[in-house]
Amino acid sequence: SLNGNIIQRNEVAYIIPGTGKESLFESVMAPLRNLTGQIQGAVLRVRDITESKRAVDQLRLASLYARSLIEASRDPLETISAEGKIMDVNEATVWGTGVPRELLLGSDFAEYFTDPVKASAAYREAFTKGDVRNYPLTLRHASGKLTDVLYNAGAYRDEKGEIAGVLAVARDITERKRAEQAEEMARRDSLTDLLNHRTFLELLKEETDRARRSNR
């Protein structure tokens, strides 16, 4: 039944006889009034929304799939506009910066690094060349904690083939650098900072092996 000026909208699934195929229809009903404003009847519109509903569902699933891929990365991941503004981030970026997602969106991505000028140069290089690889930067957390990262970015294009933005990933290399520093410390004498005896023997073996191979 119609009540005042309320427009009723419903979706109804209908099985087409003989085919077993299900179609989805949308019905919209609005009151029909005479010149005095009294309801005399109703206007009913019915349309098949099966394909449009399917397209919406597919788009929603594609969006969920893309979001799951983004969130699956444990490295900070973000999309950046041509103006250097953050368009989207994953949860790892929130952890890495200590800044809520709603504040990250629309902000300048370079401001979260210790050297904003160098960070800006990296994303401009990605826009110009199409990508940038293993670009060293230092990410700054809101607490003041610093994290060494390797910045990798690639440009993505719109339907016209023009660059629409940059997808960037910051790989945390803190543990790797710590291991490299520990290895370097193990190679040197703590007092003189010269290469130690063990390292000398390793280098000597490499050189004697090379000499035997080349017979010189």
N, C-alpha and C. Protein backbone atom coordinates (compact mmCIF):
# COMPACT_ATOMS: atom_id res chain seq x y z
N SER A 1 0.84 -1.19 0.00
CA SER A 1 0.00 0.00 0.00
C SER A 1 0.87 1.23 0.00
N LEU A 2 0.34 2.33 -0.60
CA LEU A 2 1.08 3.58 -0.68
C LEU A 2 0.72 4.46 0.50
N ASN A 3 1.72 5.13 1.03
CA ASN A 3 1.51 5.98 2.19
C ASN A 3 2.10 7.35 1.92
N GLY A 4 1.26 8.35 1.72
CA GLY A 4 1.73 9.71 1.48
C GLY A 4 2.58 9.82 0.25
N ASN A 5 3.76 10.43 0.39
CA ASN A 5 4.65 10.65 -0.75
C ASN A 5 5.78 9.63 -0.80
N ILE A 6 5.66 8.56 -0.01
CA ILE A 6 6.74 7.57 0.05
C ILE A 6 6.83 6.81 -1.27
N ILE A 7 8.05 6.74 -1.80
CA ILE A 7 8.32 5.94 -2.99
C ILE A 7 8.87 4.60 -2.53
N GLN A 8 8.22 3.55 -2.92
CA GLN A 8 8.63 2.21 -2.52
C GLN A 8 9.53 1.59 -3.58
N ARG A 9 10.64 1.03 -3.12
CA ARG A 9 11.60 0.41 -4.03
C ARG A 9 11.90 -1.00 -3.53
N ASN A 10 11.80 -1.96 -4.42
CA ASN A 10 12.03 -3.35 -4.04
C ASN A 10 12.83 -4.07 -5.13
N GLU A 11 13.55 -5.11 -4.70
CA GLU A 11 14.24 -5.98 -5.64
C GLU A 11 13.65 -7.37 -5.51
N VAL A 12 13.32 -7.97 -6.64
CA VAL A 12 12.67 -9.28 -6.64
C VAL A 12 13.40 -10.21 -7.60
N ALA A 13 13.75 -11.40 -7.13
CA ALA A 13 14.35 -12.43 -7.99
C ALA A 13 13.22 -13.23 -8.64
N TYR A 14 13.38 -13.50 -9.94
CA TYR A 14 12.33 -14.19 -10.68
C TYR A 14 12.96 -15.29 -11.53
N ILE A 15 12.41 -16.48 -11.42
CA ILE A 15 12.89 -17.60 -12.22
C ILE A 15 12.11 -17.64 -13.53
N ILE A 16 12.81 -17.51 -14.65
CA ILE A 16 12.15 -17.52 -15.95
C ILE A 16 11.67 -18.94 -16.25
N PRO A 17 10.38 -19.12 -16.46
CA PRO A 17 9.83 -20.45 -16.69
C PRO A 17 10.48 -21.14 -17.89
N GLY A 18 10.76 -22.43 -17.72
CA GLY A 18 11.30 -23.23 -18.80
C GLY A 18 12.80 -23.14 -18.97
N THR A 19 13.42 -22.14 -18.34
CA THR A 19 14.88 -21.98 -18.48
C THR A 19 15.62 -22.22 -17.17
N GLY A 20 14.95 -21.98 -16.08
CA GLY A 20 15.59 -22.11 -14.78
C GLY A 20 16.52 -20.95 -14.47
N LYS A 21 16.60 -19.99 -15.40
CA LYS A 21 17.48 -18.84 -15.24
C LYS A 21 16.83 -17.83 -14.30
N GLU A 22 17.64 -17.34 -13.37
CA GLU A 22 17.13 -16.36 -12.41
C GLU A 22 17.50 -14.94 -12.86
N SER A 23 16.51 -14.08 -12.86
CA SER A 23 16.73 -12.67 -13.17
C SER A 23 16.31 -11.82 -11.98
N LEU A 24 16.95 -10.68 -11.87
CA LEU A 24 16.65 -9.78 -10.77
C LEU A 24 15.97 -8.53 -11.32
N PHE A 25 14.81 -8.21 -10.74
CA PHE A 25 14.05 -7.05 -11.18
C PHE A 25 13.93 -6.05 -10.04
N GLU A 26 13.93 -4.78 -10.44
CA GLU A 26 13.72 -3.70 -9.48
C GLU A 26 12.36 -3.06 -9.77
N SER A 27 11.55 -2.94 -8.74
CA SER A 27 10.25 -2.29 -8.89
C SER A 27 10.24 -1.01 -8.07
N VAL A 28 9.78 0.06 -8.70
CA VAL A 28 9.67 1.36 -8.03
C VAL A 28 8.22 1.81 -8.16
N MET A 29 7.59 2.08 -7.01
CA MET A 29 6.19 2.48 -7.01
C MET A 29 6.05 3.83 -6.32
N ALA A 30 5.32 4.74 -6.99
CA ALA A 30 5.10 6.07 -6.44
C ALA A 30 3.60 6.40 -6.52
N PRO A 31 3.07 7.19 -5.58
CA PRO A 31 1.65 7.52 -5.60
C PRO A 31 1.28 8.41 -6.78
N LEU A 32 0.10 8.19 -7.33
CA LEU A 32 -0.44 9.01 -8.42
C LEU A 32 -1.59 9.83 -7.85
N ARG A 33 -1.45 11.15 -7.91
CA ARG A 33 -2.43 12.04 -7.30
C ARG A 33 -3.22 12.81 -8.37
N ASN A 34 -4.42 13.23 -7.95
CA ASN A 34 -5.22 14.09 -8.83
C ASN A 34 -4.91 15.54 -8.53
N LEU A 35 -5.67 16.45 -9.12
CA LEU A 35 -5.41 17.88 -8.97
C LEU A 35 -5.61 18.37 -7.54
N THR A 36 -6.43 17.66 -6.78
CA THR A 36 -6.68 18.07 -5.38
C THR A 36 -5.69 17.45 -4.42
N GLY A 37 -4.78 16.61 -4.92
CA GLY A 37 -3.77 15.99 -4.07
C GLY A 37 -4.14 14.65 -3.51
N GLN A 38 -5.30 14.16 -3.88
CA GLN A 38 -5.70 12.86 -3.38
C GLN A 38 -5.08 11.74 -4.23
N ILE A 39 -4.75 10.66 -3.55
CA ILE A 39 -4.16 9.51 -4.24
C ILE A 39 -5.24 8.78 -5.03
N GLN A 40 -5.01 8.66 -6.30
CA GLN A 40 -5.95 7.94 -7.16
C GLN A 40 -5.42 6.57 -7.59
N GLY A 41 -4.17 6.42 -7.46
CA GLY A 41 -3.57 5.16 -7.89
C GLY A 41 -2.07 5.20 -7.69
N ALA A 42 -1.38 4.44 -8.50
CA ALA A 42 0.06 4.37 -8.35
C ALA A 42 0.72 4.23 -9.71
N VAL A 43 1.97 4.70 -9.75
CA VAL A 43 2.79 4.53 -10.94
C VAL A 43 3.84 3.47 -10.60
N LEU A 44 3.91 2.44 -11.41
CA LEU A 44 4.84 1.35 -11.15
C LEU A 44 5.82 1.20 -12.30
N ARG A 45 7.09 1.14 -11.95
CA ARG A 45 8.12 0.91 -12.96
C ARG A 45 8.89 -0.34 -12.59
N VAL A 46 9.02 -1.25 -13.52
CA VAL A 46 9.76 -2.49 -13.29
C VAL A 46 10.85 -2.60 -14.36
N ARG A 47 12.07 -2.88 -13.93
CA ARG A 47 13.15 -3.05 -14.90
C ARG A 47 14.07 -4.17 -14.48
N ASP A 48 14.64 -4.81 -15.47
CA ASP A 48 15.57 -5.92 -15.25
C ASP A 48 16.94 -5.34 -14.89
N ILE A 49 17.41 -5.66 -13.69
CA ILE A 49 18.71 -5.13 -13.23
C ILE A 49 19.72 -6.27 -13.05
N THR A 50 19.46 -7.40 -13.70
CA THR A 50 20.34 -8.56 -13.53
C THR A 50 21.78 -8.25 -13.92
N GLU A 51 21.98 -7.69 -15.11
CA GLU A 51 23.34 -7.43 -15.60
C GLU A 51 24.01 -6.32 -14.81
N SER A 52 23.28 -5.25 -14.53
CA SER A 52 23.88 -4.14 -13.78
C SER A 52 24.25 -4.59 -12.37
N LYS A 53 23.40 -5.44 -11.76
CA LYS A 53 23.70 -5.96 -10.42
C LYS A 53 24.94 -6.85 -10.47
N ARG A 54 25.02 -7.68 -11.52
CA ARG A 54 26.18 -8.56 -11.66
C ARG A 54 27.46 -7.74 -11.84
N ALA A 55 27.37 -6.67 -12.63
CA ALA A 55 28.53 -5.81 -12.85
C ALA A 55 28.98 -5.14 -11.55
N VAL A 56 28.01 -4.69 -10.76
CA VAL A 56 28.33 -4.07 -9.47
C VAL A 56 28.98 -5.08 -8.54
N ASP A 57 28.44 -6.30 -8.52
CA ASP A 57 29.02 -7.34 -7.66
C ASP A 57 30.44 -7.69 -8.09
N GLN A 58 30.67 -7.77 -9.41
CA GLN A 58 32.01 -8.08 -9.91
C GLN A 58 33.00 -6.97 -9.56
N LEU A 59 32.53 -5.72 -9.66
CA LEU A 59 33.38 -4.59 -9.31
C LEU A 59 33.71 -4.60 -7.82
N ARG A 60 32.72 -4.95 -7.01
CA ARG A 60 32.94 -5.02 -5.56
C ARG A 60 33.94 -6.12 -5.22
N LEU A 61 33.79 -7.28 -5.87
CA LEU A 61 34.71 -8.39 -5.62
C LEU A 61 36.13 -8.04 -6.08
N ALA A 62 36.22 -7.36 -7.23
CA ALA A 62 37.54 -6.94 -7.72
C ALA A 62 38.19 -5.97 -6.76
N SER A 63 37.37 -5.07 -6.20
CA SER A 63 37.88 -4.10 -5.23
C SER A 63 38.37 -4.80 -3.97
N LEU A 64 37.59 -5.78 -3.49
CA LEU A 64 37.99 -6.53 -2.31
C LEU A 64 39.27 -7.32 -2.56
N TYR A 65 39.39 -7.88 -3.78
CA TYR A 65 40.58 -8.65 -4.14
C TYR A 65 41.82 -7.75 -4.16
N ALA A 66 41.66 -6.57 -4.77
CA ALA A 66 42.78 -5.62 -4.83
C ALA A 66 43.18 -5.18 -3.42
N ARG A 67 42.19 -4.92 -2.56
CA ARG A 67 42.48 -4.51 -1.19
C ARG A 67 43.19 -5.62 -0.43
N SER A 68 42.78 -6.89 -0.64
CA SER A 68 43.43 -8.00 0.05
C SER A 68 44.89 -8.13 -0.37
N LEU A 69 45.18 -7.87 -1.66
CA LEU A 69 46.56 -7.93 -2.13
C LEU A 69 47.39 -6.82 -1.49
N ILE A 70 46.81 -5.64 -1.39
CA ILE A 70 47.53 -4.51 -0.79
C ILE A 70 47.82 -4.78 0.68
N GLU A 71 46.82 -5.29 1.39
CA GLU A 71 46.99 -5.52 2.82
C GLU A 71 47.86 -6.74 3.10
N ALA A 72 48.02 -7.62 2.12
CA ALA A 72 48.86 -8.81 2.32
C ALA A 72 50.33 -8.44 2.46
N SER A 73 50.72 -7.29 1.94
CA SER A 73 52.11 -6.86 2.02
C SER A 73 52.43 -6.39 3.43
N ARG A 74 53.52 -6.90 3.98
CA ARG A 74 53.96 -6.46 5.30
C ARG A 74 54.83 -5.22 5.22
N ASP A 75 55.17 -4.82 4.01
CA ASP A 75 55.93 -3.60 3.81
C ASP A 75 54.97 -2.44 3.58
N PRO A 76 55.32 -1.24 4.03
CA PRO A 76 54.49 -0.07 3.75
C PRO A 76 54.29 0.09 2.24
N LEU A 77 53.04 0.19 1.83
CA LEU A 77 52.69 0.28 0.42
C LEU A 77 51.70 1.42 0.24
N GLU A 78 51.93 2.25 -0.77
CA GLU A 78 51.03 3.38 -0.99
C GLU A 78 50.97 3.75 -2.47
N THR A 79 49.86 4.36 -2.84
CA THR A 79 49.73 4.91 -4.19
C THR A 79 49.84 6.42 -4.08
N ILE A 80 50.55 7.00 -5.04
CA ILE A 80 50.88 8.43 -4.98
C ILE A 80 50.43 9.09 -6.28
N SER A 81 49.83 10.26 -6.15
CA SER A 81 49.37 11.00 -7.33
C SER A 81 50.53 11.73 -7.98
N ALA A 82 50.25 12.34 -9.13
CA ALA A 82 51.28 13.09 -9.86
C ALA A 82 51.76 14.29 -9.04
N GLU A 83 50.93 14.75 -8.11
CA GLU A 83 51.31 15.89 -7.26
C GLU A 83 52.05 15.46 -6.01
N GLY A 84 52.29 14.15 -5.87
CA GLY A 84 53.01 13.66 -4.70
C GLY A 84 52.13 13.44 -3.49
N LYS A 85 50.81 13.41 -3.69
CA LYS A 85 49.88 13.21 -2.58
C LYS A 85 49.52 11.73 -2.45
N ILE A 86 49.37 11.27 -1.21
CA ILE A 86 49.02 9.88 -0.96
C ILE A 86 47.55 9.65 -1.27
N MET A 87 47.26 8.66 -2.13
CA MET A 87 45.88 8.34 -2.51
C MET A 87 45.36 7.12 -1.76
N ASP A 88 46.25 6.18 -1.43
CA ASP A 88 45.82 4.99 -0.70
C ASP A 88 47.03 4.40 0.00
N VAL A 89 46.79 3.72 1.12
CA VAL A 89 47.87 3.08 1.89
C VAL A 89 47.36 1.77 2.45
N ASN A 90 48.29 0.89 2.83
CA ASN A 90 47.91 -0.32 3.55
C ASN A 90 48.18 -0.13 5.04
N GLU A 91 47.81 -1.15 5.81
CA GLU A 91 47.94 -1.05 7.26
C GLU A 91 49.41 -0.97 7.68
N ALA A 92 50.30 -1.58 6.88
CA ALA A 92 51.73 -1.54 7.21
C ALA A 92 52.27 -0.11 7.17
N THR A 93 51.69 0.73 6.31
CA THR A 93 52.11 2.13 6.25
C THR A 93 51.69 2.86 7.52
N VAL A 94 50.50 2.53 8.03
CA VAL A 94 50.05 3.13 9.29
C VAL A 94 51.00 2.75 10.42
N TRP A 95 51.39 1.46 10.47
CA TRP A 95 52.34 1.02 11.50
C TRP A 95 53.70 1.70 11.33
N GLY A 96 54.15 1.81 10.09
CA GLY A 96 55.48 2.34 9.82
C GLY A 96 55.62 3.83 10.11
N THR A 97 54.53 4.57 9.96
CA THR A 97 54.57 6.02 10.18
C THR A 97 53.98 6.45 11.51
N GLY A 98 53.11 5.58 12.09
CA GLY A 98 52.44 5.96 13.33
C GLY A 98 51.35 7.00 13.11
N VAL A 99 50.92 7.15 11.85
CA VAL A 99 49.91 8.16 11.50
C VAL A 99 48.64 7.43 11.04
N PRO A 100 47.46 7.81 11.54
CA PRO A 100 46.21 7.17 11.11
C PRO A 100 45.98 7.29 9.61
N ARG A 101 45.31 6.32 9.06
CA ARG A 101 45.07 6.27 7.61
C ARG A 101 44.37 7.53 7.12
N GLU A 102 43.37 8.02 7.87
CA GLU A 102 42.61 9.19 7.42
C GLU A 102 43.47 10.45 7.33
N LEU A 103 44.57 10.50 8.10
CA LEU A 103 45.48 11.64 8.02
C LEU A 103 46.53 11.45 6.94
N LEU A 104 46.87 10.20 6.65
CA LEU A 104 47.83 9.93 5.59
C LEU A 104 47.25 10.28 4.22
N LEU A 105 45.98 9.95 4.00
CA LEU A 105 45.36 10.20 2.70
C LEU A 105 45.30 11.69 2.41
N GLY A 106 45.82 12.06 1.24
CA GLY A 106 45.82 13.46 0.82
C GLY A 106 47.04 14.24 1.27
N SER A 107 47.87 13.64 2.13
CA SER A 107 49.07 14.35 2.58
C SER A 107 50.23 14.10 1.62
N ASP A 108 51.30 14.88 1.79
CA ASP A 108 52.49 14.75 0.95
C ASP A 108 53.31 13.57 1.44
N PHE A 109 53.51 12.58 0.57
CA PHE A 109 54.19 11.36 1.01
C PHE A 109 55.62 11.62 1.44
N ALA A 110 56.28 12.65 0.87
CA ALA A 110 57.69 12.90 1.16
C ALA A 110 57.92 13.36 2.59
N GLU A 111 56.90 13.87 3.26
CA GLU A 111 57.09 14.42 4.60
C GLU A 111 57.31 13.33 5.66
N TYR A 112 57.13 12.07 5.29
CA TYR A 112 57.31 10.99 6.25
C TYR A 112 58.71 10.39 6.19
N PHE A 113 59.60 11.05 5.43
CA PHE A 113 60.99 10.60 5.34
C PHE A 113 61.90 11.68 5.92
N THR A 114 63.07 11.28 6.37
CA THR A 114 63.99 12.25 6.98
C THR A 114 64.52 13.25 5.95
N ASP A 115 64.54 12.86 4.69
CA ASP A 115 65.01 13.75 3.62
C ASP A 115 63.89 13.90 2.58
N PRO A 116 62.95 14.84 2.81
CA PRO A 116 61.81 15.01 1.90
C PRO A 116 62.22 15.33 0.46
N VAL A 117 63.31 16.08 0.29
CA VAL A 117 63.76 16.45 -1.05
C VAL A 117 64.18 15.20 -1.82
N LYS A 118 64.94 14.33 -1.15
CA LYS A 118 65.38 13.09 -1.78
C LYS A 118 64.19 12.17 -2.07
N ALA A 119 63.22 12.13 -1.15
CA ALA A 119 62.03 11.30 -1.35
C ALA A 119 61.21 11.80 -2.54
N SER A 120 61.08 13.13 -2.67
CA SER A 120 60.35 13.71 -3.80
C SER A 120 61.05 13.39 -5.11
N ALA A 121 62.37 13.43 -5.10
CA ALA A 121 63.13 13.11 -6.31
C ALA A 121 62.88 11.66 -6.73
N ALA A 122 62.70 10.77 -5.76
CA ALA A 122 62.46 9.36 -6.07
C ALA A 122 61.14 9.16 -6.78
N TYR A 123 60.08 9.78 -6.29
CA TYR A 123 58.78 9.57 -6.94
C TYR A 123 58.72 10.28 -8.29
N ARG A 124 59.41 11.41 -8.42
CA ARG A 124 59.45 12.08 -9.73
C ARG A 124 60.19 11.23 -10.75
N GLU A 125 61.22 10.53 -10.28
CA GLU A 125 61.96 9.62 -11.17
C GLU A 125 61.05 8.49 -11.64
N ALA A 126 60.20 7.99 -10.73
CA ALA A 126 59.26 6.93 -11.09
C ALA A 126 58.27 7.42 -12.14
N PHE A 127 57.82 8.66 -12.02
CA PHE A 127 56.90 9.22 -13.00
C PHE A 127 57.59 9.43 -14.34
N THR A 128 58.84 9.83 -14.30
CA THR A 128 59.57 10.13 -15.53
C THR A 128 60.02 8.87 -16.26
N LYS A 129 60.61 7.93 -15.51
CA LYS A 129 61.20 6.73 -16.12
C LYS A 129 60.26 5.51 -16.09
N GLY A 130 59.20 5.60 -15.31
CA GLY A 130 58.28 4.47 -15.21
C GLY A 130 58.49 3.65 -13.95
N ASP A 131 59.71 3.66 -13.40
CA ASP A 131 59.96 2.96 -12.14
C ASP A 131 61.25 3.44 -11.51
N VAL A 132 61.43 3.08 -10.27
CA VAL A 132 62.67 3.35 -9.53
C VAL A 132 62.88 2.16 -8.60
N ARG A 133 64.14 1.70 -8.50
CA ARG A 133 64.41 0.48 -7.75
C ARG A 133 65.50 0.68 -6.70
N ASN A 134 65.26 0.09 -5.55
CA ASN A 134 66.23 0.06 -4.44
C ASN A 134 66.81 1.43 -4.13
N TYR A 135 65.92 2.38 -3.99
CA TYR A 135 66.30 3.77 -3.69
C TYR A 135 66.37 3.91 -2.16
N PRO A 136 67.54 4.16 -1.58
CA PRO A 136 67.66 4.20 -0.11
C PRO A 136 67.04 5.46 0.50
N LEU A 137 66.16 5.26 1.46
CA LEU A 137 65.54 6.36 2.19
C LEU A 137 65.42 5.95 3.65
N THR A 138 65.10 6.92 4.50
CA THR A 138 64.89 6.64 5.92
C THR A 138 63.50 7.11 6.31
N LEU A 139 62.67 6.17 6.73
CA LEU A 139 61.29 6.46 7.12
C LEU A 139 61.26 6.94 8.57
N ARG A 140 60.49 8.01 8.81
CA ARG A 140 60.42 8.56 10.17
C ARG A 140 59.05 8.27 10.78
N HIS A 141 59.04 7.58 11.92
CA HIS A 141 57.81 7.29 12.65
C HIS A 141 57.40 8.52 13.47
N ALA A 142 56.13 8.62 13.78
CA ALA A 142 55.64 9.76 14.56
C ALA A 142 56.32 9.83 15.93
N SER A 143 56.78 8.69 16.43
CA SER A 143 57.46 8.65 17.73
C SER A 143 58.91 9.13 17.65
N GLY A 144 59.40 9.29 16.42
CA GLY A 144 60.79 9.68 16.22
C GLY A 144 61.69 8.54 15.80
N LYS A 145 61.17 7.31 15.84
CA LYS A 145 61.95 6.15 15.43
C LYS A 145 62.24 6.22 13.93
N LEU A 146 63.47 5.88 13.56
CA LEU A 146 63.89 5.91 12.16
C LEU A 146 64.07 4.49 11.63
N THR A 147 63.63 4.27 10.40
CA THR A 147 63.75 2.95 9.77
C THR A 147 64.35 3.11 8.38
N ASP A 148 65.48 2.45 8.16
CA ASP A 148 66.10 2.46 6.83
C ASP A 148 65.29 1.57 5.89
N VAL A 149 64.97 2.08 4.72
CA VAL A 149 64.17 1.33 3.76
C VAL A 149 64.78 1.44 2.37
N LEU A 150 64.44 0.48 1.54
CA LEU A 150 64.73 0.57 0.11
C LEU A 150 63.40 0.84 -0.59
N TYR A 151 63.34 1.95 -1.28
CA TYR A 151 62.10 2.41 -1.90
C TYR A 151 62.05 1.91 -3.34
N ASN A 152 60.97 1.17 -3.66
CA ASN A 152 60.74 0.69 -5.02
C ASN A 152 59.38 1.19 -5.48
N ALA A 153 59.32 1.72 -6.69
CA ALA A 153 58.06 2.28 -7.17
C ALA A 153 57.91 2.06 -8.67
N GLY A 154 56.66 1.89 -9.08
CA GLY A 154 56.36 1.73 -10.50
C GLY A 154 55.12 2.53 -10.85
N ALA A 155 55.13 3.13 -12.02
CA ALA A 155 53.98 3.93 -12.46
C ALA A 155 52.89 3.01 -13.01
N TYR A 156 51.63 3.37 -12.77
CA TYR A 156 50.52 2.65 -13.39
C TYR A 156 49.72 3.64 -14.24
N ARG A 157 49.05 3.12 -15.25
CA ARG A 157 48.42 3.96 -16.27
C ARG A 157 46.90 3.84 -16.27
N ASP A 158 46.25 4.87 -16.80
CA ASP A 158 44.80 4.85 -16.92
C ASP A 158 44.41 4.21 -18.24
N GLU A 159 43.09 4.23 -18.55
CA GLU A 159 42.62 3.57 -19.76
C GLU A 159 43.14 4.22 -21.04
N LYS A 160 43.65 5.46 -20.95
CA LYS A 160 44.21 6.15 -22.11
C LYS A 160 45.69 5.88 -22.27
N GLY A 161 46.26 5.12 -21.33
CA GLY A 161 47.68 4.82 -21.41
C GLY A 161 48.56 5.88 -20.77
N GLU A 162 47.95 6.85 -20.12
CA GLU A 162 48.72 7.91 -19.47
C GLU A 162 48.97 7.54 -18.01
N ILE A 163 50.13 7.96 -17.49
CA ILE A 163 50.49 7.65 -16.11
C ILE A 163 49.50 8.33 -15.16
N ALA A 164 48.83 7.51 -14.34
CA ALA A 164 47.83 8.02 -13.40
C ALA A 164 48.38 8.17 -11.99
N GLY A 165 49.42 7.43 -11.69
CA GLY A 165 49.98 7.49 -10.35
C GLY A 165 51.14 6.53 -10.21
N VAL A 166 51.65 6.43 -8.99
CA VAL A 166 52.79 5.57 -8.70
C VAL A 166 52.43 4.66 -7.53
N LEU A 167 52.75 3.38 -7.69
CA LEU A 167 52.59 2.41 -6.60
C LEU A 167 53.97 2.21 -5.99
N ALA A 168 54.11 2.53 -4.70
CA ALA A 168 55.41 2.51 -4.05
C ALA A 168 55.42 1.55 -2.86
N VAL A 169 56.55 0.86 -2.70
CA VAL A 169 56.76 -0.07 -1.58
C VAL A 169 58.07 0.28 -0.90
N ALA A 170 58.04 0.35 0.43
CA ALA A 170 59.25 0.65 1.21
C ALA A 170 59.67 -0.60 1.97
N ARG A 171 60.73 -1.23 1.55
CA ARG A 171 61.20 -2.47 2.18
C ARG A 171 62.13 -2.15 3.35
N ASP A 172 61.76 -2.59 4.54
CA ASP A 172 62.56 -2.38 5.75
C ASP A 172 63.85 -3.19 5.66
N ILE A 173 64.98 -2.50 5.73
CA ILE A 173 66.27 -3.20 5.64
C ILE A 173 67.06 -3.04 6.94
N THR A 174 66.36 -2.75 8.04
CA THR A 174 67.03 -2.55 9.32
C THR A 174 67.84 -3.77 9.73
N GLU A 175 67.20 -4.95 9.68
CA GLU A 175 67.89 -6.17 10.09
C GLU A 175 69.05 -6.50 9.15
N ARG A 176 68.86 -6.25 7.89
CA ARG A 176 69.93 -6.53 6.93
C ARG A 176 71.14 -5.64 7.19
N LYS A 177 70.88 -4.35 7.45
CA LYS A 177 71.99 -3.45 7.72
C LYS A 177 72.69 -3.81 9.03
N ARG A 178 71.90 -4.26 10.01
CA ARG A 178 72.48 -4.66 11.28
C ARG A 178 73.39 -5.88 11.08
N ALA A 179 72.95 -6.82 10.25
CA ALA A 179 73.75 -8.01 9.98
C ALA A 179 75.02 -7.64 9.22
N GLU A 180 74.91 -6.70 8.28
CA GLU A 180 76.08 -6.27 7.52
C GLU A 180 77.10 -5.58 8.43
N GLN A 181 76.58 -4.75 9.36
CA GLN A 181 77.47 -4.07 10.30
C GLN A 181 78.16 -5.06 11.22
N ALA A 182 77.39 -6.08 11.66
CA ALA A 182 77.98 -7.09 12.54
C ALA A 182 79.07 -7.87 11.80
N GLU A 183 78.81 -8.19 10.53
CA GLU A 183 79.78 -8.91 9.72
C GLU A 183 81.04 -8.07 9.52
N GLU A 184 80.85 -6.79 9.28
CA GLU A 184 82.01 -5.91 9.08
C GLU A 184 82.82 -5.78 10.37
N MET A 185 82.14 -5.70 11.51
CA MET A 185 82.84 -5.62 12.80
C MET A 185 83.64 -6.89 13.05
N ALA A 186 83.09 -8.05 12.62
CA ALA A 186 83.79 -9.32 12.84
C ALA A 186 85.03 -9.43 11.96
N ARG A 187 85.11 -8.62 10.92
CA ARG A 187 86.24 -8.67 10.00
C ARG A 187 87.39 -7.78 10.45
N ARG A 188 87.15 -6.91 11.46
CA ARG A 188 88.17 -5.92 11.81
C ARG A 188 88.60 -6.03 13.27
N ASP A 189 89.82 -5.59 13.51
CA ASP A 189 90.36 -5.54 14.86
C ASP A 189 89.72 -4.37 15.60
N SER A 190 89.24 -4.60 16.81
CA SER A 190 88.52 -3.57 17.55
C SER A 190 89.39 -2.38 17.95
N LEU A 191 90.70 -2.59 18.08
CA LEU A 191 91.59 -1.50 18.50
C LEU A 191 92.09 -0.68 17.31
N THR A 192 92.54 -1.34 16.27
CA THR A 192 93.15 -0.64 15.14
C THR A 192 92.17 -0.39 13.98
N ASP A 193 91.05 -1.11 13.97
CA ASP A 193 90.06 -1.05 12.90
C ASP A 193 90.61 -1.59 11.59
N LEU A 194 91.76 -2.30 11.65
CA LEU A 194 92.32 -2.95 10.47
C LEU A 194 91.68 -4.32 10.30
N LEU A 195 91.74 -4.86 9.10
CA LEU A 195 91.25 -6.22 8.87
C LEU A 195 92.02 -7.19 9.75
N ASN A 196 91.30 -8.11 10.39
CA ASN A 196 91.93 -9.00 11.36
C ASN A 196 92.58 -10.23 10.69
N HIS A 197 93.16 -11.09 11.53
CA HIS A 197 93.91 -12.24 11.02
C HIS A 197 93.02 -13.20 10.25
N ARG A 198 91.81 -13.45 10.77
CA ARG A 198 90.89 -14.37 10.09
C ARG A 198 90.54 -13.87 8.69
N THR A 199 90.29 -12.59 8.59
CA THR A 199 89.94 -12.01 7.29
C THR A 199 91.14 -12.07 6.34
N PHE A 200 92.34 -11.83 6.89
CA PHE A 200 93.55 -11.92 6.07
C PHE A 200 93.70 -13.31 5.47
N LEU A 201 93.48 -14.35 6.28
CA LEU A 201 93.60 -15.72 5.79
C LEU A 201 92.55 -16.02 4.72
N GLU A 202 91.33 -15.49 4.90
CA GLU A 202 90.27 -15.71 3.91
C GLU A 202 90.65 -15.07 2.58
N LEU A 203 91.16 -13.83 2.64
CA LEU A 203 91.56 -13.13 1.42
C LEU A 203 92.75 -13.83 0.76
N LEU A 204 93.67 -14.31 1.59
CA LEU A 204 94.84 -15.00 1.06
C LEU A 204 94.42 -16.27 0.30
N LYS A 205 93.48 -17.02 0.86
CA LYS A 205 92.99 -18.24 0.20
C LYS A 205 92.33 -17.89 -1.14
N GLU A 206 91.53 -16.82 -1.16
CA GLU A 206 90.88 -16.41 -2.40
C GLU A 206 91.90 -16.08 -3.47
N GLU A 207 92.96 -15.38 -3.07
CA GLU A 207 93.98 -14.97 -4.04
C GLU A 207 94.81 -16.17 -4.53
N THR A 208 95.15 -17.08 -3.63
CA THR A 208 95.94 -18.25 -4.05
C THR A 208 95.10 -19.16 -4.96
N ASP A 209 93.81 -19.29 -4.66
CA ASP A 209 92.93 -20.08 -5.53
C ASP A 209 92.83 -19.45 -6.91
N ARG A 210 92.74 -18.11 -6.95
CA ARG A 210 92.65 -17.41 -8.23
C ARG A 210 93.96 -17.58 -9.01
N ALA A 211 95.08 -17.55 -8.30
CA ALA A 211 96.37 -17.72 -8.95
C ALA A 211 96.53 -19.12 -9.56
N ARG A 212 96.01 -20.14 -8.84
CA ARG A 212 96.10 -21.50 -9.36
C ARG A 212 95.23 -21.64 -10.61
N ARG A 213 94.03 -21.05 -10.58
CA ARG A 213 93.12 -21.18 -11.72
C ARG A 213 93.70 -20.52 -12.97
N SER A 214 94.35 -19.38 -12.80
CA SER A 214 94.89 -18.66 -13.94
C SER A 214 96.34 -19.00 -14.23
N ASN A 215 96.97 -19.84 -13.34
CA ASN A 215 98.35 -20.27 -13.52
C ASN A 215 99.30 -19.09 -13.65
N ARG A 216 99.15 -18.15 -12.76
CA ARG A 216 100.04 -16.97 -12.75
C ARG A 216 100.18 -16.43 -11.34
